[in-house]
Amino acid sequence: MNRMTKQKGFTLLEVLLASFILFLALTAMTMVYQGALTSSRVADRSIAVHQIVGFATADIKKRLADGPELPDEEVSGGGRVGEISFSWKASKVLDSRGQTILGADGDFVRPDTRYQIWAVTLTLKLQGYRKPLQYRIFRWQEK
C-alpha cells in the first residue's frame, strides 16, 4: 500500500519560524516608535525652553542697565514664565573704570565713556530638562 498523501497546511517548524520573524519585525517597529516619541518630547521641551531666551536676555540686560551707576562685580536673578523657570548669574570680566588710555596728543587721559564686559550664565529649566547657556554682554555708560 502506498500511503503517500499530499500534506495540506504548514509544518510546525514553518509556523514557528514565521512567528519568530513577525516578532522581530514588531519589536523593531516598537523600538523605532519609542525612539521617535522620545525625540519628539525632547524637541518639544527644547523648543519651549528656547522660546523664553529672548525674554530672559532682555531681563538680564535691563537689570545690568538699571541705575546711573554700573552694578557690582556679580549680579544674579531669575524668574518664571509659565512652567519654565530661569536663573542667571553675571560676572564682570572687564571694567574700564579708572583705566587711562593714550590720547591723540600723546598724553594719558581717562575716557568719558566707561564700558564693561559681563560673562552671563543663563540656566533654563522645564520638567527635568535643564539647559545652561553662556554668553557675554558689552555695556557702556557716558559720563
C-alpha atoms as a PDB file:
ATOM      1  CA  MET A   1       0.000   0.000   0.000  1.00  0.00           C
ATOM      2  CA  ASN A   2       1.095   3.410  -0.822  1.00  0.00           C
ATOM      3  CA  ARG A   3       0.337   5.806   1.940  1.00  0.00           C
ATOM      4  CA  MET A   4       1.854   8.875   0.357  1.00  0.00           C
ATOM      5  CA  THR A   5      -0.636  11.647   0.566  1.00  0.00           C
ATOM      6  CA  LYS A   6      -0.187  15.315  -0.060  1.00  0.00           C
ATOM      7  CA  GLN A   7       0.112  17.492   3.042  1.00  0.00           C
ATOM      8  CA  LYS A   8      -2.137  20.445   3.412  1.00  0.00           C
ATOM      9  CA  GLY A   9      -1.076  23.442   5.583  1.00  0.00           C
ATOM     10  CA  PHE A  10       2.222  24.332   7.241  1.00  0.00           C
ATOM     11  CA  THR A  11       4.544  22.288   9.392  1.00  0.00           C
ATOM     12  CA  LEU A  12       5.186  23.259  12.985  1.00  0.00           C
ATOM     13  CA  LEU A  13       8.706  24.410  12.107  1.00  0.00           C
ATOM     14  CA  GLU A  14       7.411  26.744   9.384  1.00  0.00           C
ATOM     15  CA  VAL A  15       4.843  28.281  11.755  1.00  0.00           C
ATOM     16  CA  LEU A  16       7.459  28.812  14.479  1.00  0.00           C
ATOM     17  CA  LEU A  17       9.894  30.408  12.031  1.00  0.00           C
ATOM     18  CA  ALA A  18       7.228  32.764  10.639  1.00  0.00           C
ATOM     19  CA  SER A  19       6.157  33.690  14.186  1.00  0.00           C
ATOM     20  CA  PHE A  20       9.761  34.473  15.138  1.00  0.00           C
ATOM     21  CA  ILE A  21      10.250  36.693  12.079  1.00  0.00           C
ATOM     22  CA  LEU A  22       6.972  38.503  12.823  1.00  0.00           C
ATOM     23  CA  PHE A  23       8.062  39.001  16.457  1.00  0.00           C
ATOM     24  CA  LEU A  24      11.402  40.509  15.327  1.00  0.00           C
ATOM     25  CA  ALA A  25       9.663  42.898  12.925  1.00  0.00           C
ATOM     26  CA  LEU A  26       7.171  44.036  15.599  1.00  0.00           C
ATOM     27  CA  THR A  27       9.970  44.541  18.137  1.00  0.00           C
ATOM     28  CA  ALA A  28      11.973  46.652  15.678  1.00  0.00           C
ATOM     29  CA  MET A  29       8.938  48.772  14.821  1.00  0.00           C
ATOM     30  CA  THR A  30       8.154  49.300  18.522  1.00  0.00           C
ATOM     31  CA  MET A  31      11.719  50.415  19.234  1.00  0.00           C
ATOM     32  CA  VAL A  32      11.669  52.864  16.314  1.00  0.00           C
ATOM     33  CA  TYR A  33       8.336  54.277  17.514  1.00  0.00           C
ATOM     34  CA  GLN A  34       9.593  54.678  21.094  1.00  0.00           C
ATOM     35  CA  GLY A  35      12.736  56.438  19.849  1.00  0.00           C
ATOM     36  CA  ALA A  36      10.689  58.833  17.714  1.00  0.00           C
ATOM     37  CA  LEU A  37       8.337  59.536  20.626  1.00  0.00           C
ATOM     38  CA  THR A  38      11.252  60.265  22.983  1.00  0.00           C
ATOM     39  CA  SER A  39      12.902  62.530  20.400  1.00  0.00           C
ATOM     40  CA  SER A  40       9.636  64.384  19.916  1.00  0.00           C
ATOM     41  CA  ARG A  41       9.265  65.008  23.669  1.00  0.00           C
ATOM     42  CA  VAL A  42      12.855  66.252  23.960  1.00  0.00           C
ATOM     43  CA  ALA A  43      12.389  68.541  20.946  1.00  0.00           C
ATOM     44  CA  ASP A  44       9.129  69.949  22.365  1.00  0.00           C
ATOM     45  CA  ARG A  45      10.802  70.751  25.703  1.00  0.00           C
ATOM     46  CA  SER A  46      13.809  72.277  23.971  1.00  0.00           C
ATOM     47  CA  ILE A  47      11.624  74.485  21.779  1.00  0.00           C
ATOM     48  CA  ALA A  48       9.527  75.606  24.756  1.00  0.00           C
ATOM     49  CA  VAL A  49      12.635  76.457  26.779  1.00  0.00           C
ATOM     50  CA  HIS A  50      14.354  78.321  23.944  1.00  0.00           C
ATOM     51  CA  GLN A  51      11.263  80.431  23.284  1.00  0.00           C
ATOM     52  CA  ILE A  52      11.871  82.374  26.501  1.00  0.00           C
ATOM     53  CA  VAL A  53      15.579  83.036  25.886  1.00  0.00           C
ATOM     54  CA  GLY A  54      14.733  86.452  24.409  1.00  0.00           C
ATOM     55  CA  PHE A  55      12.610  87.379  27.418  1.00  0.00           C
ATOM     56  CA  ALA A  56      15.270  86.232  29.879  1.00  0.00           C
ATOM     57  CA  THR A  57      18.044  88.035  27.978  1.00  0.00           C
ATOM     58  CA  ALA A  58      16.022  91.270  27.962  1.00  0.00           C
ATOM     59  CA  ASP A  59      15.512  90.898  31.724  1.00  0.00           C
ATOM     60  CA  ILE A  60      19.257  90.464  32.246  1.00  0.00           C
ATOM     61  CA  LYS A  61      20.154  93.454  30.063  1.00  0.00           C
ATOM     62  CA  LYS A  62      17.610  95.622  31.908  1.00  0.00           C
ATOM     63  CA  ARG A  63      18.990  94.566  35.274  1.00  0.00           C
ATOM     64  CA  LEU A  64      22.539  95.377  34.185  1.00  0.00           C
ATOM     65  CA  ALA A  65      21.442  98.742  32.735  1.00  0.00           C
ATOM     66  CA  ASP A  66      19.345  99.933  35.715  1.00  0.00           C
ATOM     67  CA  GLY A  67      20.532 102.948  37.647  1.00  0.00           C
ATOM     68  CA  PRO A  68      23.058 105.671  36.959  1.00  0.00           C
ATOM     69  CA  GLU A  69      25.922 103.570  38.293  1.00  0.00           C
ATOM     70  CA  LEU A  70      27.012 100.300  36.795  1.00  0.00           C
ATOM     71  CA  PRO A  71      26.244  97.276  39.012  1.00  0.00           C
ATOM     72  CA  ASP A  72      28.612  95.437  41.322  1.00  0.00           C
ATOM     73  CA  GLU A  73      31.090  92.719  40.375  1.00  0.00           C
ATOM     74  CA  GLU A  74      28.435  89.998  40.353  1.00  0.00           C
ATOM     75  CA  VAL A  75      24.702  90.177  39.725  1.00  0.00           C
ATOM     76  CA  SER A  76      22.149  87.367  39.655  1.00  0.00           C
ATOM     77  CA  GLY A  77      18.445  86.891  39.266  1.00  0.00           C
ATOM     78  CA  GLY A  78      15.752  84.675  37.903  1.00  0.00           C
ATOM     79  CA  GLY A  79      12.136  84.330  37.042  1.00  0.00           C
ATOM     80  CA  ARG A  80       9.375  82.127  35.747  1.00  0.00           C
ATOM     81  CA  VAL A  81       7.393  82.141  32.517  1.00  0.00           C
ATOM     82  CA  GLY A  82       4.579  79.602  32.658  1.00  0.00           C
ATOM     83  CA  GLU A  83       6.114  76.239  33.546  1.00  0.00           C
ATOM     84  CA  ILE A  84       9.617  77.342  32.605  1.00  0.00           C
ATOM     85  CA  SER A  85      11.912  78.775  35.253  1.00  0.00           C
ATOM     86  CA  PHE A  86      15.183  80.539  34.593  1.00  0.00           C
ATOM     87  CA  SER A  87      18.084  81.716  36.703  1.00  0.00           C
ATOM     88  CA  TRP A  88      21.096  83.728  35.691  1.00  0.00           C
ATOM     89  CA  LYS A  89      24.376  84.975  37.036  1.00  0.00           C
ATOM     90  CA  ALA A  90      26.510  87.725  35.504  1.00  0.00           C
ATOM     91  CA  SER A  91      30.139  88.297  36.463  1.00  0.00           C
ATOM     92  CA  LYS A  92      32.127  91.338  35.458  1.00  0.00           C
ATOM     93  CA  VAL A  93      35.003  90.346  33.164  1.00  0.00           C
ATOM     94  CA  LEU A  94      36.331  93.805  32.310  1.00  0.00           C
ATOM     95  CA  ASP A  95      35.681  97.285  33.662  1.00  0.00           C
ATOM     96  CA  SER A  96      37.264 100.407  32.192  1.00  0.00           C
ATOM     97  CA  ARG A  97      36.722 102.391  35.431  1.00  0.00           C
ATOM     98  CA  GLY A  98      39.968 104.069  36.432  1.00  0.00           C
ATOM     99  CA  GLN A  99      41.801 102.971  33.290  1.00  0.00           C
ATOM    100  CA  THR A 100      43.748 105.502  31.314  1.00  0.00           C
ATOM    101  CA  ILE A 101      44.437 105.381  27.612  1.00  0.00           C
ATOM    102  CA  LEU A 102      46.952 107.113  25.413  1.00  0.00           C
ATOM    103  CA  GLY A 103      45.257 110.130  23.845  1.00  0.00           C
ATOM    104  CA  ALA A 104      45.800 111.590  20.381  1.00  0.00           C
ATOM    105  CA  ASP A 105      48.175 114.237  21.759  1.00  0.00           C
ATOM    106  CA  GLY A 106      50.407 111.628  23.428  1.00  0.00           C
ATOM    107  CA  ASP A 107      49.128 112.241  26.967  1.00  0.00           C
ATOM    108  CA  PHE A 108      47.368 109.679  29.110  1.00  0.00           C
ATOM    109  CA  VAL A 109      43.694 110.514  29.596  1.00  0.00           C
ATOM    110  CA  ARG A 110      40.637 108.966  31.237  1.00  0.00           C
ATOM    111  CA  PRO A 111      37.949 108.376  28.633  1.00  0.00           C
ATOM    112  CA  ASP A 112      34.481 109.893  29.046  1.00  0.00           C
ATOM    113  CA  THR A 113      32.869 106.604  28.194  1.00  0.00           C
ATOM    114  CA  ARG A 114      33.042 103.771  30.690  1.00  0.00           C
ATOM    115  CA  TYR A 115      32.477 100.244  29.477  1.00  0.00           C
ATOM    116  CA  GLN A 116      32.123  96.782  30.929  1.00  0.00           C
ATOM    117  CA  ILE A 117      32.063  93.231  29.653  1.00  0.00           C
ATOM    118  CA  TRP A 118      29.916  90.737  31.555  1.00  0.00           C
ATOM    119  CA  ALA A 119      30.033  86.924  31.368  1.00  0.00           C
ATOM    120  CA  VAL A 120      26.475  85.639  31.753  1.00  0.00           C
ATOM    121  CA  THR A 121      25.315  82.109  32.548  1.00  0.00           C
ATOM    122  CA  LEU A 122      21.602  81.586  31.928  1.00  0.00           C
ATOM    123  CA  THR A 123      20.012  78.317  33.069  1.00  0.00           C
ATOM    124  CA  LEU A 124      16.550  77.349  31.795  1.00  0.00           C
ATOM    125  CA  LYS A 125      14.533  74.537  33.434  1.00  0.00           C
ATOM    126  CA  LEU A 126      11.393  72.657  32.423  1.00  0.00           C
ATOM    127  CA  GLN A 127      10.197  69.286  33.788  1.00  0.00           C
ATOM    128  CA  GLY A 128      13.634  67.873  34.496  1.00  0.00           C
ATOM    129  CA  TYR A 129      15.122  69.372  31.331  1.00  0.00           C
ATOM    130  CA  ARG A 130      17.938  71.796  32.142  1.00  0.00           C
ATOM    131  CA  LYS A 131      19.649  73.941  29.515  1.00  0.00           C
ATOM    132  CA  PRO A 132      22.612  76.162  30.503  1.00  0.00           C
ATOM    133  CA  LEU A 133      23.587  78.945  28.078  1.00  0.00           C
ATOM    134  CA  GLN A 134      26.645  81.181  28.306  1.00  0.00           C
ATOM    135  CA  TYR A 135      27.282  84.466  26.538  1.00  0.00           C
ATOM    136  CA  ARG A 136      28.820  87.908  27.051  1.00  0.00           C
ATOM    137  CA  ILE A 137      27.242  91.361  27.258  1.00  0.00           C
ATOM    138  CA  PHE A 138      29.069  94.567  26.376  1.00  0.00           C
ATOM    139  CA  ARG A 139      27.768  97.607  28.232  1.00  0.00           C
ATOM    140  CA  TRP A 140      28.870 101.224  28.256  1.00  0.00           C
ATOM    141  CA  GLN A 141      27.926 104.413  30.036  1.00  0.00           C
ATOM    142  CA  GLU A 142      28.596 108.012  29.090  1.00  0.00           C
ATOM    143  CA  LYS A 143      29.806 110.259  31.906  1.00  0.00           C
END
